[in-house]
Amino acid sequence: VAALREAFACPVYAPQHPAITSATQIVGEG
């Protein structure tokens, strides 16, 4: 994720979790 985000400067949609440090948009149920 981090290398791809750096290469493309695109948003990263991910659930809230401390291990997912490159998320730009936290998403959850609903």
PDB file of all heavy atoms in Angstrom:
ATOM      1  N   VAL A   1       0.812  -1.220   0.000  1.00  0.00           N
ATOM      2  CA  VAL A   1       0.000   0.000   0.000  1.00  0.00           C
ATOM      3  C   VAL A   1       0.846   1.272   0.000  1.00  0.00           C
ATOM      4  O   VAL A   1       0.635   2.173  -0.818  1.00  0.00           O
ATOM      5  CB  VAL A   1      -0.999   0.012   1.182  1.00  0.00           C
ATOM      6  CG1 VAL A   1      -1.688   1.358   1.299  1.00  0.00           C
ATOM      7  CG2 VAL A   1      -2.027  -1.098   1.021  1.00  0.00           C
ATOM      8  N   ALA A   2       1.807   1.390   0.885  1.00  0.00           N
ATOM      9  CA  ALA A   2       2.578   2.635   1.012  1.00  0.00           C
ATOM     10  C   ALA A   2       3.307   2.981  -0.289  1.00  0.00           C
ATOM     11  O   ALA A   2       3.284   4.134  -0.733  1.00  0.00           O
ATOM     12  CB  ALA A   2       3.558   2.536   2.175  1.00  0.00           C
ATOM     13  N   ALA A   3       3.935   1.999  -0.905  1.00  0.00           N
ATOM     14  CA  ALA A   3       4.674   2.261  -2.151  1.00  0.00           C
ATOM     15  C   ALA A   3       3.730   2.653  -3.282  1.00  0.00           C
ATOM     16  O   ALA A   3       4.055   3.533  -4.094  1.00  0.00           O
ATOM     17  CB  ALA A   3       5.492   1.033  -2.543  1.00  0.00           C
ATOM     18  N   LEU A   4       2.569   2.035  -3.346  1.00  0.00           N
ATOM     19  CA  LEU A   4       1.600   2.383  -4.394  1.00  0.00           C
ATOM     20  C   LEU A   4       1.026   3.769  -4.159  1.00  0.00           C
ATOM     21  O   LEU A   4       0.840   4.546  -5.097  1.00  0.00           O
ATOM     22  CB  LEU A   4       0.485   1.346  -4.463  1.00  0.00           C
ATOM     23  CG  LEU A   4       0.909  -0.020  -4.977  1.00  0.00           C
ATOM     24  CD1 LEU A   4      -0.236  -1.008  -4.850  1.00  0.00           C
ATOM     25  CD2 LEU A   4       1.400   0.064  -6.407  1.00  0.00           C
ATOM     26  N   ARG A   5       0.758   4.089  -2.920  1.00  0.00           N
ATOM     27  CA  ARG A   5       0.239   5.426  -2.599  1.00  0.00           C
ATOM     28  C   ARG A   5       1.261   6.482  -2.987  1.00  0.00           C
ATOM     29  O   ARG A   5       0.927   7.527  -3.521  1.00  0.00           O
ATOM     30  CB  ARG A   5      -0.084   5.503  -1.111  1.00  0.00           C
ATOM     31  CG  ARG A   5      -0.386   6.909  -0.637  1.00  0.00           C
ATOM     32  CD  ARG A   5      -1.747   7.042  -0.034  1.00  0.00           C
ATOM     33  NE  ARG A   5      -1.981   8.319   0.583  1.00  0.00           N
ATOM     34  CZ  ARG A   5      -2.111   9.469  -0.051  1.00  0.00           C
ATOM     35  NH1 ARG A   5      -1.980   9.534  -1.341  1.00  0.00           N
ATOM     36  NH2 ARG A   5      -2.366  10.588   0.594  1.00  0.00           N
ATOM     37  N   GLU A   6       2.523   6.200  -2.738  1.00  0.00           N
ATOM     38  CA  GLU A   6       3.586   7.129  -3.108  1.00  0.00           C
ATOM     39  C   GLU A   6       3.684   7.277  -4.631  1.00  0.00           C
ATOM     40  O   GLU A   6       3.849   8.375  -5.149  1.00  0.00           O
ATOM     41  CB  GLU A   6       4.917   6.642  -2.542  1.00  0.00           C
ATOM     42  CG  GLU A   6       6.058   7.600  -2.770  1.00  0.00           C
ATOM     43  CD  GLU A   6       7.330   7.137  -2.097  1.00  0.00           C
ATOM     44  OE1 GLU A   6       7.273   6.707  -0.926  1.00  0.00           O
ATOM     45  OE2 GLU A   6       8.379   7.204  -2.752  1.00  0.00           O
ATOM     46  N   ALA A   7       3.556   6.172  -5.348  1.00  0.00           N
ATOM     47  CA  ALA A   7       3.679   6.194  -6.808  1.00  0.00           C
ATOM     48  C   ALA A   7       2.512   6.896  -7.480  1.00  0.00           C
ATOM     49  O   ALA A   7       2.694   7.572  -8.501  1.00  0.00           O
ATOM     50  CB  ALA A   7       3.812   4.764  -7.340  1.00  0.00           C
ATOM     51  N   PHE A   8       1.311   6.742  -6.940  1.00  0.00           N
ATOM     52  CA  PHE A   8       0.118   7.249  -7.619  1.00  0.00           C
ATOM     53  C   PHE A   8      -0.611   8.369  -6.886  1.00  0.00           C
ATOM     54  O   PHE A   8      -1.554   8.946  -7.426  1.00  0.00           O
ATOM     55  CB  PHE A   8      -0.865   6.097  -7.884  1.00  0.00           C
ATOM     56  CG  PHE A   8      -0.349   5.108  -8.881  1.00  0.00           C
ATOM     57  CD1 PHE A   8       0.170   3.899  -8.472  1.00  0.00           C
ATOM     58  CD2 PHE A   8      -0.383   5.393 -10.241  1.00  0.00           C
ATOM     59  CE1 PHE A   8       0.652   2.979  -9.395  1.00  0.00           C
ATOM     60  CE2 PHE A   8       0.090   4.482 -11.172  1.00  0.00           C
ATOM     61  CZ  PHE A   8       0.606   3.276 -10.751  1.00  0.00           C
ATOM     62  N   ALA A   9      -0.232   8.662  -5.645  1.00  0.00           N
ATOM     63  CA  ALA A   9      -0.890   9.707  -4.852  1.00  0.00           C
ATOM     64  C   ALA A   9      -2.413   9.555  -4.872  1.00  0.00           C
ATOM     65  O   ALA A   9      -3.150  10.508  -5.047  1.00  0.00           O
ATOM     66  CB  ALA A   9      -0.488  11.094  -5.348  1.00  0.00           C
ATOM     67  N   CYS A  10      -2.872   8.329  -4.702  1.00  0.00           N
ATOM     68  CA  CYS A  10      -4.300   8.042  -4.738  1.00  0.00           C
ATOM     69  C   CYS A  10      -4.816   7.778  -3.321  1.00  0.00           C
ATOM     70  O   CYS A  10      -4.049   7.452  -2.428  1.00  0.00           O
ATOM     71  CB  CYS A  10      -4.581   6.841  -5.639  1.00  0.00           C
ATOM     72  SG  CYS A  10      -3.783   5.316  -5.109  1.00  0.00           S
ATOM     73  N   PRO A  11      -6.123   7.900  -3.124  1.00  0.00           N
ATOM     74  CA  PRO A  11      -6.679   7.613  -1.802  1.00  0.00           C
ATOM     75  C   PRO A  11      -6.617   6.118  -1.479  1.00  0.00           C
ATOM     76  O   PRO A  11      -6.656   5.274  -2.376  1.00  0.00           O
ATOM     77  CB  PRO A  11      -8.126   8.086  -1.905  1.00  0.00           C
ATOM     78  CG  PRO A  11      -8.442   8.099  -3.353  1.00  0.00           C
ATOM     79  CD  PRO A  11      -7.151   8.347  -4.073  1.00  0.00           C
ATOM     80  N   VAL A  12      -6.501   5.839  -0.191  1.00  0.00           N
ATOM     81  CA  VAL A  12      -6.494   4.463   0.313  1.00  0.00           C
ATOM     82  C   VAL A  12      -7.682   4.321   1.256  1.00  0.00           C
ATOM     83  O   VAL A  12      -7.740   4.977   2.297  1.00  0.00           O
ATOM     84  CB  VAL A  12      -5.187   4.135   1.063  1.00  0.00           C
ATOM     85  CG1 VAL A  12      -5.230   2.721   1.627  1.00  0.00           C
ATOM     86  CG2 VAL A  12      -3.980   4.332   0.155  1.00  0.00           C
ATOM     87  N   TYR A  13      -8.636   3.489   0.872  1.00  0.00           N
ATOM     88  CA  TYR A  13      -9.831   3.226   1.675  1.00  0.00           C
ATOM     89  C   TYR A  13      -9.588   1.960   2.480  1.00  0.00           C
ATOM     90  O   TYR A  13      -9.276   0.908   1.917  1.00  0.00           O
ATOM     91  CB  TYR A  13     -11.050   3.044   0.775  1.00  0.00           C
ATOM     92  CG  TYR A  13     -11.378   4.271  -0.036  1.00  0.00           C
ATOM     93  CD1 TYR A  13     -10.826   4.470  -1.301  1.00  0.00           C
ATOM     94  CD2 TYR A  13     -12.235   5.240   0.463  1.00  0.00           C
ATOM     95  CE1 TYR A  13     -11.117   5.604  -2.047  1.00  0.00           C
ATOM     96  CE2 TYR A  13     -12.528   6.386  -0.274  1.00  0.00           C
ATOM     97  CZ  TYR A  13     -11.972   6.549  -1.525  1.00  0.00           C
ATOM     98  OH  TYR A  13     -12.261   7.679  -2.247  1.00  0.00           O
ATOM     99  N   ALA A  14      -9.730   2.055   3.804  1.00  0.00           N
ATOM    100  CA  ALA A  14      -9.423   0.913   4.664  1.00  0.00           C
ATOM    101  C   ALA A  14     -10.217   1.002   5.959  1.00  0.00           C
ATOM    102  O   ALA A  14     -10.629   2.083   6.372  1.00  0.00           O
ATOM    103  CB  ALA A  14      -7.931   0.894   4.982  1.00  0.00           C
ATOM    104  N   PRO A  15     -10.398  -0.150   6.610  1.00  0.00           N
ATOM    105  CA  PRO A  15     -11.022  -0.131   7.936  1.00  0.00           C
ATOM    106  C   PRO A  15     -10.044   0.438   8.966  1.00  0.00           C
ATOM    107  O   PRO A  15      -8.825   0.434   8.754  1.00  0.00           O
ATOM    108  CB  PRO A  15     -11.310  -1.610   8.206  1.00  0.00           C
ATOM    109  CG  PRO A  15     -10.314  -2.353   7.386  1.00  0.00           C
ATOM    110  CD  PRO A  15     -10.061  -1.508   6.174  1.00  0.00           C
ATOM    111  N   GLN A  16     -10.589   0.915  10.069  1.00  0.00           N
ATOM    112  CA  GLN A  16      -9.756   1.437  11.157  1.00  0.00           C
ATOM    113  C   GLN A  16      -8.954   0.296  11.770  1.00  0.00           C
ATOM    114  O   GLN A  16      -9.520  -0.687  12.229  1.00  0.00           O
ATOM    115  CB  GLN A  16     -10.646   2.074  12.228  1.00  0.00           C
ATOM    116  CG  GLN A  16      -9.882   2.625  13.413  1.00  0.00           C
ATOM    117  CD  GLN A  16      -9.052   3.835  13.043  1.00  0.00           C
ATOM    118  OE1 GLN A  16      -9.553   4.758  12.424  1.00  0.00           O
ATOM    119  NE2 GLN A  16      -7.799   3.835  13.400  1.00  0.00           N
ATOM    120  N   HIS A  17      -7.628   0.416  11.742  1.00  0.00           N
ATOM    121  CA  HIS A  17      -6.752  -0.551  12.409  1.00  0.00           C
ATOM    122  C   HIS A  17      -5.361   0.051  12.504  1.00  0.00           C
ATOM    123  O   HIS A  17      -4.868   0.621  11.531  1.00  0.00           O
ATOM    124  CB  HIS A  17      -6.702  -1.884  11.651  1.00  0.00           C
ATOM    125  CG  HIS A  17      -6.067  -2.952  12.461  1.00  0.00           C
ATOM    126  ND1 HIS A  17      -4.702  -3.069  12.609  1.00  0.00           N
ATOM    127  CD2 HIS A  17      -6.605  -3.934  13.209  1.00  0.00           C
ATOM    128  CE1 HIS A  17      -4.434  -4.084  13.399  1.00  0.00           C
ATOM    129  NE2 HIS A  17      -5.571  -4.625  13.790  1.00  0.00           N
ATOM    130  N   PRO A  18      -4.697  -0.084  13.666  1.00  0.00           N
ATOM    131  CA  PRO A  18      -3.363   0.502  13.833  1.00  0.00           C
ATOM    132  C   PRO A  18      -2.329   0.003  12.812  1.00  0.00           C
ATOM    133  O   PRO A  18      -1.392   0.725  12.491  1.00  0.00           O
ATOM    134  CB  PRO A  18      -2.953   0.094  15.249  1.00  0.00           C
ATOM    135  CG  PRO A  18      -4.204  -0.264  15.947  1.00  0.00           C
ATOM    136  CD  PRO A  18      -5.180  -0.715  14.896  1.00  0.00           C
ATOM    137  N   ALA A  19      -2.480  -1.216  12.311  1.00  0.00           N
ATOM    138  CA  ALA A  19      -1.509  -1.757  11.355  1.00  0.00           C
ATOM    139  C   ALA A  19      -1.647  -1.140   9.971  1.00  0.00           C
ATOM    140  O   ALA A  19      -0.726  -1.203   9.162  1.00  0.00           O
ATOM    141  CB  ALA A  19      -1.662  -3.278  11.253  1.00  0.00           C
ATOM    142  N   ILE A  20      -2.786  -0.531   9.689  1.00  0.00           N
ATOM    143  CA  ILE A  20      -3.017   0.063   8.365  1.00  0.00           C
ATOM    144  C   ILE A  20      -2.704   1.553   8.470  1.00  0.00           C
ATOM    145  O   ILE A  20      -3.572   2.377   8.732  1.00  0.00           O
ATOM    146  CB  ILE A  20      -4.457  -0.189   7.882  1.00  0.00           C
ATOM    147  CG1 ILE A  20      -4.780  -1.686   7.918  1.00  0.00           C
ATOM    148  CG2 ILE A  20      -4.637   0.355   6.462  1.00  0.00           C
ATOM    149  CD1 ILE A  20      -6.237  -2.010   7.634  1.00  0.00           C
ATOM    150  N   THR A  21      -1.435   1.884   8.266  1.00  0.00           N
ATOM    151  CA  THR A  21      -0.978   3.250   8.504  1.00  0.00           C
ATOM    152  C   THR A  21      -1.090   4.157   7.277  1.00  0.00           C
ATOM    153  O   THR A  21      -0.958   5.368   7.410  1.00  0.00           O
ATOM    154  CB  THR A  21       0.483   3.240   8.985  1.00  0.00           C
ATOM    155  OG1 THR A  21       1.285   2.590   8.000  1.00  0.00           O
ATOM    156  CG2 THR A  21       0.611   2.513  10.316  1.00  0.00           C
ATOM    157  N   SER A  22      -1.314   3.591   6.111  1.00  0.00           N
ATOM    158  CA  SER A  22      -1.374   4.406   4.884  1.00  0.00           C
ATOM    159  C   SER A  22      -2.790   4.782   4.476  1.00  0.00           C
ATOM    160  O   SER A  22      -2.984   5.361   3.410  1.00  0.00           O
ATOM    161  CB  SER A  22      -0.698   3.659   3.733  1.00  0.00           C
ATOM    162  OG  SER A  22       0.672   3.505   3.998  1.00  0.00           O
ATOM    163  N   ALA A  23      -3.773   4.440   5.293  1.00  0.00           N
ATOM    164  CA  ALA A  23      -5.161   4.768   4.942  1.00  0.00           C
ATOM    165  C   ALA A  23      -5.358   6.284   4.913  1.00  0.00           C
ATOM    166  O   ALA A  23      -4.868   6.996   5.772  1.00  0.00           O
ATOM    167  CB  ALA A  23      -6.123   4.139   5.937  1.00  0.00           C
ATOM    168  N   THR A  24      -6.068   6.727   3.889  1.00  0.00           N
ATOM    169  CA  THR A  24      -6.427   8.147   3.813  1.00  0.00           C
ATOM    170  C   THR A  24      -7.915   8.330   4.082  1.00  0.00           C
ATOM    171  O   THR A  24      -8.346   9.428   4.416  1.00  0.00           O
ATOM    172  CB  THR A  24      -6.081   8.750   2.440  1.00  0.00           C
ATOM    173  OG1 THR A  24      -6.834   8.077   1.432  1.00  0.00           O
ATOM    174  CG2 THR A  24      -4.588   8.644   2.152  1.00  0.00           C
ATOM    175  N   GLN A  25      -8.686   7.271   3.900  1.00  0.00           N
ATOM    176  CA  GLN A  25     -10.134   7.301   4.142  1.00  0.00           C
ATOM    177  C   GLN A  25     -10.500   6.066   4.961  1.00  0.00           C
ATOM    178  O   GLN A  25     -10.400   4.950   4.458  1.00  0.00           O
ATOM    179  CB  GLN A  25     -10.911   7.262   2.819  1.00  0.00           C
ATOM    180  CG  GLN A  25     -10.597   8.402   1.881  1.00  0.00           C
ATOM    181  CD  GLN A  25     -11.191   9.716   2.357  1.00  0.00           C
ATOM    182  OE1 GLN A  25     -12.282   9.757   2.902  1.00  0.00           O
ATOM    183  NE2 GLN A  25     -10.472  10.794   2.139  1.00  0.00           N
ATOM    184  N   ILE A  26     -10.904   6.276   6.197  1.00  0.00           N
ATOM    185  CA  ILE A  26     -11.327   5.152   7.043  1.00  0.00           C
ATOM    186  C   ILE A  26     -12.786   4.860   6.722  1.00  0.00           C
ATOM    187  O   ILE A  26     -13.622   5.767   6.706  1.00  0.00           O
ATOM    188  CB  ILE A  26     -11.166   5.495   8.538  1.00  0.00           C
ATOM    189  CG1 ILE A  26      -9.704   5.840   8.851  1.00  0.00           C
ATOM    190  CG2 ILE A  26     -11.681   4.359   9.410  1.00  0.00           C
ATOM    191  CD1 ILE A  26      -8.720   4.726   8.565  1.00  0.00           C
ATOM    192  N   VAL A  27     -13.073   3.596   6.445  1.00  0.00           N
ATOM    193  CA  VAL A  27     -14.442   3.190   6.133  1.00  0.00           C
ATOM    194  C   VAL A  27     -14.869   2.049   7.048  1.00  0.00           C
ATOM    195  O   VAL A  27     -14.053   1.277   7.529  1.00  0.00           O
ATOM    196  CB  VAL A  27     -14.595   2.768   4.645  1.00  0.00           C
ATOM    197  CG1 VAL A  27     -14.381   3.964   3.730  1.00  0.00           C
ATOM    198  CG2 VAL A  27     -13.636   1.660   4.284  1.00  0.00           C
ATOM    199  N   GLY A  28     -16.162   1.976   7.253  1.00  0.00           N
ATOM    200  CA  GLY A  28     -16.721   0.923   8.088  1.00  0.00           C
ATOM    201  C   GLY A  28     -18.110   0.570   7.600  1.00  0.00           C
ATOM    202  O   GLY A  28     -18.577   1.069   6.564  1.00  0.00           O
ATOM    203  N   GLU A  29     -18.774  -0.257   8.354  1.00  0.00           N
ATOM    204  CA  GLU A  29     -20.103  -0.713   7.986  1.00  0.00           C
ATOM    205  C   GLU A  29     -21.030   0.469   7.735  1.00  0.00           C
ATOM    206  O   GLU A  29     -21.090   1.414   8.512  1.00  0.00           O
ATOM    207  CB  GLU A  29     -20.674  -1.590   9.105  1.00  0.00           C
ATOM    208  CG  GLU A  29     -21.974  -2.243   8.745  1.00  0.00           C
ATOM    209  CD  GLU A  29     -22.451  -3.225   9.795  1.00  0.00           C
ATOM    210  OE1 GLU A  29     -21.621  -3.702  10.591  1.00  0.00           O
ATOM    211  OE2 GLU A  29     -23.659  -3.513   9.811  1.00  0.00           O
ATOM    212  N   GLY A  30     -21.732   0.432   6.602  1.00  0.00           N
ATOM    213  CA  GLY A  30     -22.674   1.472   6.251  1.00  0.00           C
ATOM    214  C   GLY A  30     -22.082   2.608   5.427  1.00  0.00           C
ATOM    215  O   GLY A  30     -22.817   3.446   4.908  1.00  0.00           O
TER     216      GLY A  30
END
